[in-house]
Amino acid sequence: MDQEWTPPPPSGTPDKVPNYLIPAIISALCCFPLGIISIIFAAQVNGKVAAGDVAGALDAAKKAKLFSIIFIALGVVLWGGYMLVTFGIVGLSILSNS
């Protein structure tokens, strides 16, 4: 028998690993330079699943999700602060001119 036997994958291995690409793109729009990090990890997931590296794909998916959440929250806080300061300055200038 010249054929080598490969064991079946463990039963707990997920068939489809989510890549979180949509949240990664949203995080890149909210917090541009930093959001690219989450896109990089999200793009690695499908390649690692195709190569059979399910553990690496799960790790990359976890990092993509984590960085997406962090950068979306950071973008909302920064854009909210920017709007608050901008509307505050405009409101104060309107009040001082009247």
C-alpha atoms as a PDB file:
ATOM      1  CA  MET A   1       0.000   0.000   0.000  1.00  0.00           C
ATOM      2  CA  ASP A   2       1.728   3.094  -1.240  1.00  0.00           C
ATOM      3  CA  GLN A   3      -1.066   5.533  -0.451  1.00  0.00           C
ATOM      4  CA  GLU A   4      -0.745   7.626   2.671  1.00  0.00           C
ATOM      5  CA  TRP A   5      -3.749   8.018   4.889  1.00  0.00           C
ATOM      6  CA  THR A   6      -4.729  11.515   5.983  1.00  0.00           C
ATOM      7  CA  PRO A   7      -6.932  11.765   9.040  1.00  0.00           C
ATOM      8  CA  PRO A   8     -10.268  13.558   8.767  1.00  0.00           C
ATOM      9  CA  PRO A   9     -10.486  17.071  10.224  1.00  0.00           C
ATOM     10  CA  PRO A  10     -11.577  17.316  13.848  1.00  0.00           C
ATOM     11  CA  SER A  11     -15.333  17.391  14.357  1.00  0.00           C
ATOM     12  CA  GLY A  12     -15.209  20.826  16.063  1.00  0.00           C
ATOM     13  CA  THR A  13     -13.651  22.525  13.026  1.00  0.00           C
ATOM     14  CA  PRO A  14     -16.011  25.028  11.407  1.00  0.00           C
ATOM     15  CA  ASP A  15     -16.657  24.571   7.709  1.00  0.00           C
ATOM     16  CA  LYS A  16     -16.948  28.273   6.993  1.00  0.00           C
ATOM     17  CA  VAL A  17     -14.899  30.871   8.828  1.00  0.00           C
ATOM     18  CA  PRO A  18     -16.386  34.397   8.682  1.00  0.00           C
ATOM     19  CA  ASN A  19     -13.942  36.906   7.254  1.00  0.00           C
ATOM     20  CA  TYR A  20     -15.572  40.131   8.586  1.00  0.00           C
ATOM     21  CA  LEU A  21     -14.697  42.013   5.396  1.00  0.00           C
ATOM     22  CA  ILE A  22     -17.758  44.307   5.476  1.00  0.00           C
ATOM     23  CA  PRO A  23     -17.066  45.591   9.025  1.00  0.00           C
ATOM     24  CA  ALA A  24     -13.407  45.963   8.043  1.00  0.00           C
ATOM     25  CA  ILE A  25     -14.342  48.174   5.105  1.00  0.00           C
ATOM     26  CA  ILE A  26     -16.649  50.234   7.327  1.00  0.00           C
ATOM     27  CA  SER A  27     -13.833  50.643   9.855  1.00  0.00           C
ATOM     28  CA  ALA A  28     -11.541  51.833   7.067  1.00  0.00           C
ATOM     29  CA  LEU A  29     -14.122  54.459   6.120  1.00  0.00           C
ATOM     30  CA  CYS A  30     -14.558  55.584   9.733  1.00  0.00           C
ATOM     31  CA  CYS A  31     -10.885  55.641  10.682  1.00  0.00           C
ATOM     32  CA  PHE A  32      -8.964  55.648   7.409  1.00  0.00           C
ATOM     33  CA  PRO A  33      -5.318  54.880   7.967  1.00  0.00           C
ATOM     34  CA  LEU A  34      -5.872  52.503  10.867  1.00  0.00           C
ATOM     35  CA  GLY A  35      -8.850  50.677   9.341  1.00  0.00           C
ATOM     36  CA  ILE A  36      -6.603  49.166   6.703  1.00  0.00           C
ATOM     37  CA  ILE A  37      -5.222  46.844   9.390  1.00  0.00           C
ATOM     38  CA  SER A  38      -8.603  45.160   9.782  1.00  0.00           C
ATOM     39  CA  ILE A  39      -8.937  44.818   5.985  1.00  0.00           C
ATOM     40  CA  ILE A  40      -5.562  43.049   5.856  1.00  0.00           C
ATOM     41  CA  PHE A  41      -6.614  40.499   8.475  1.00  0.00           C
ATOM     42  CA  ALA A  42     -10.025  40.008   6.841  1.00  0.00           C
ATOM     43  CA  ALA A  43      -8.365  39.370   3.475  1.00  0.00           C
ATOM     44  CA  GLN A  44      -6.120  36.674   4.979  1.00  0.00           C
ATOM     45  CA  VAL A  45      -9.025  34.517   6.200  1.00  0.00           C
ATOM     46  CA  ASN A  46     -10.146  32.973   2.894  1.00  0.00           C
ATOM     47  CA  GLY A  47      -6.593  32.227   1.797  1.00  0.00           C
ATOM     48  CA  LYS A  48      -5.805  30.450   5.041  1.00  0.00           C
ATOM     49  CA  VAL A  49      -9.000  28.385   4.843  1.00  0.00           C
ATOM     50  CA  ALA A  50      -8.133  27.387   1.258  1.00  0.00           C
ATOM     51  CA  ALA A  51      -4.649  26.370   2.390  1.00  0.00           C
ATOM     52  CA  GLY A  52      -6.121  24.227   5.159  1.00  0.00           C
ATOM     53  CA  ASP A  53      -4.902  26.438   8.002  1.00  0.00           C
ATOM     54  CA  VAL A  54      -8.197  26.654   9.886  1.00  0.00           C
ATOM     55  CA  ALA A  55      -6.528  27.721  13.140  1.00  0.00           C
ATOM     56  CA  GLY A  56      -4.754  30.569  11.368  1.00  0.00           C
ATOM     57  CA  ALA A  57      -7.986  31.541   9.623  1.00  0.00           C
ATOM     58  CA  LEU A  58      -9.850  31.641  12.922  1.00  0.00           C
ATOM     59  CA  ASP A  59      -7.078  33.780  14.422  1.00  0.00           C
ATOM     60  CA  ALA A  60      -7.120  36.191  11.476  1.00  0.00           C
ATOM     61  CA  ALA A  61     -10.938  36.398  11.660  1.00  0.00           C
ATOM     62  CA  LYS A  62     -10.771  37.129  15.375  1.00  0.00           C
ATOM     63  CA  LYS A  63      -8.224  39.909  14.788  1.00  0.00           C
ATOM     64  CA  ALA A  64     -10.248  41.342  11.894  1.00  0.00           C
ATOM     65  CA  LYS A  65     -13.360  41.484  14.079  1.00  0.00           C
ATOM     66  CA  LEU A  66     -11.473  42.999  17.022  1.00  0.00           C
ATOM     67  CA  PHE A  67      -9.751  45.685  14.971  1.00  0.00           C
ATOM     68  CA  SER A  68     -12.988  46.479  13.110  1.00  0.00           C
ATOM     69  CA  ILE A  69     -14.836  47.082  16.357  1.00  0.00           C
ATOM     70  CA  ILE A  70     -12.012  49.179  17.797  1.00  0.00           C
ATOM     71  CA  PHE A  71     -11.598  51.338  14.699  1.00  0.00           C
ATOM     72  CA  ILE A  72     -15.344  51.830  14.147  1.00  0.00           C
ATOM     73  CA  ALA A  73     -15.685  52.976  17.761  1.00  0.00           C
ATOM     74  CA  LEU A  74     -12.636  55.212  17.434  1.00  0.00           C
ATOM     75  CA  GLY A  75     -13.984  56.710  14.207  1.00  0.00           C
ATOM     76  CA  VAL A  76     -17.396  57.401  15.763  1.00  0.00           C
ATOM     77  CA  VAL A  77     -15.763  59.081  18.766  1.00  0.00           C
ATOM     78  CA  LEU A  78     -13.392  61.170  16.628  1.00  0.00           C
ATOM     79  CA  TRP A  79     -16.049  62.190  14.084  1.00  0.00           C
ATOM     80  CA  GLY A  80     -18.513  62.934  16.899  1.00  0.00           C
ATOM     81  CA  GLY A  81     -15.950  65.113  18.658  1.00  0.00           C
ATOM     82  CA  TYR A  82     -15.162  66.889  15.415  1.00  0.00           C
ATOM     83  CA  MET A  83     -18.835  67.611  14.784  1.00  0.00           C
ATOM     84  CA  LEU A  84     -19.360  68.770  18.360  1.00  0.00           C
ATOM     85  CA  VAL A  85     -16.431  71.183  18.216  1.00  0.00           C
ATOM     86  CA  THR A  86     -17.380  72.434  14.746  1.00  0.00           C
ATOM     87  CA  PHE A  87     -21.035  73.051  15.642  1.00  0.00           C
ATOM     88  CA  GLY A  88     -19.946  74.622  18.928  1.00  0.00           C
ATOM     89  CA  ILE A  89     -17.648  77.079  17.162  1.00  0.00           C
ATOM     90  CA  VAL A  90     -20.302  77.898  14.533  1.00  0.00           C
ATOM     91  CA  GLY A  91     -22.942  78.338  17.230  1.00  0.00           C
ATOM     92  CA  LEU A  92     -20.702  80.601  19.289  1.00  0.00           C
ATOM     93  CA  SER A  93     -19.825  82.707  16.261  1.00  0.00           C
ATOM     94  CA  ILE A  94     -23.528  83.097  15.411  1.00  0.00           C
ATOM     95  CA  LEU A  95     -24.313  84.101  18.985  1.00  0.00           C
ATOM     96  CA  SER A  96     -21.437  86.602  19.163  1.00  0.00           C
ATOM     97  CA  ASN A  97     -22.528  88.301  15.908  1.00  0.00           C
ATOM     98  CA  SER A  98     -26.117  88.889  17.031  1.00  0.00           C
END
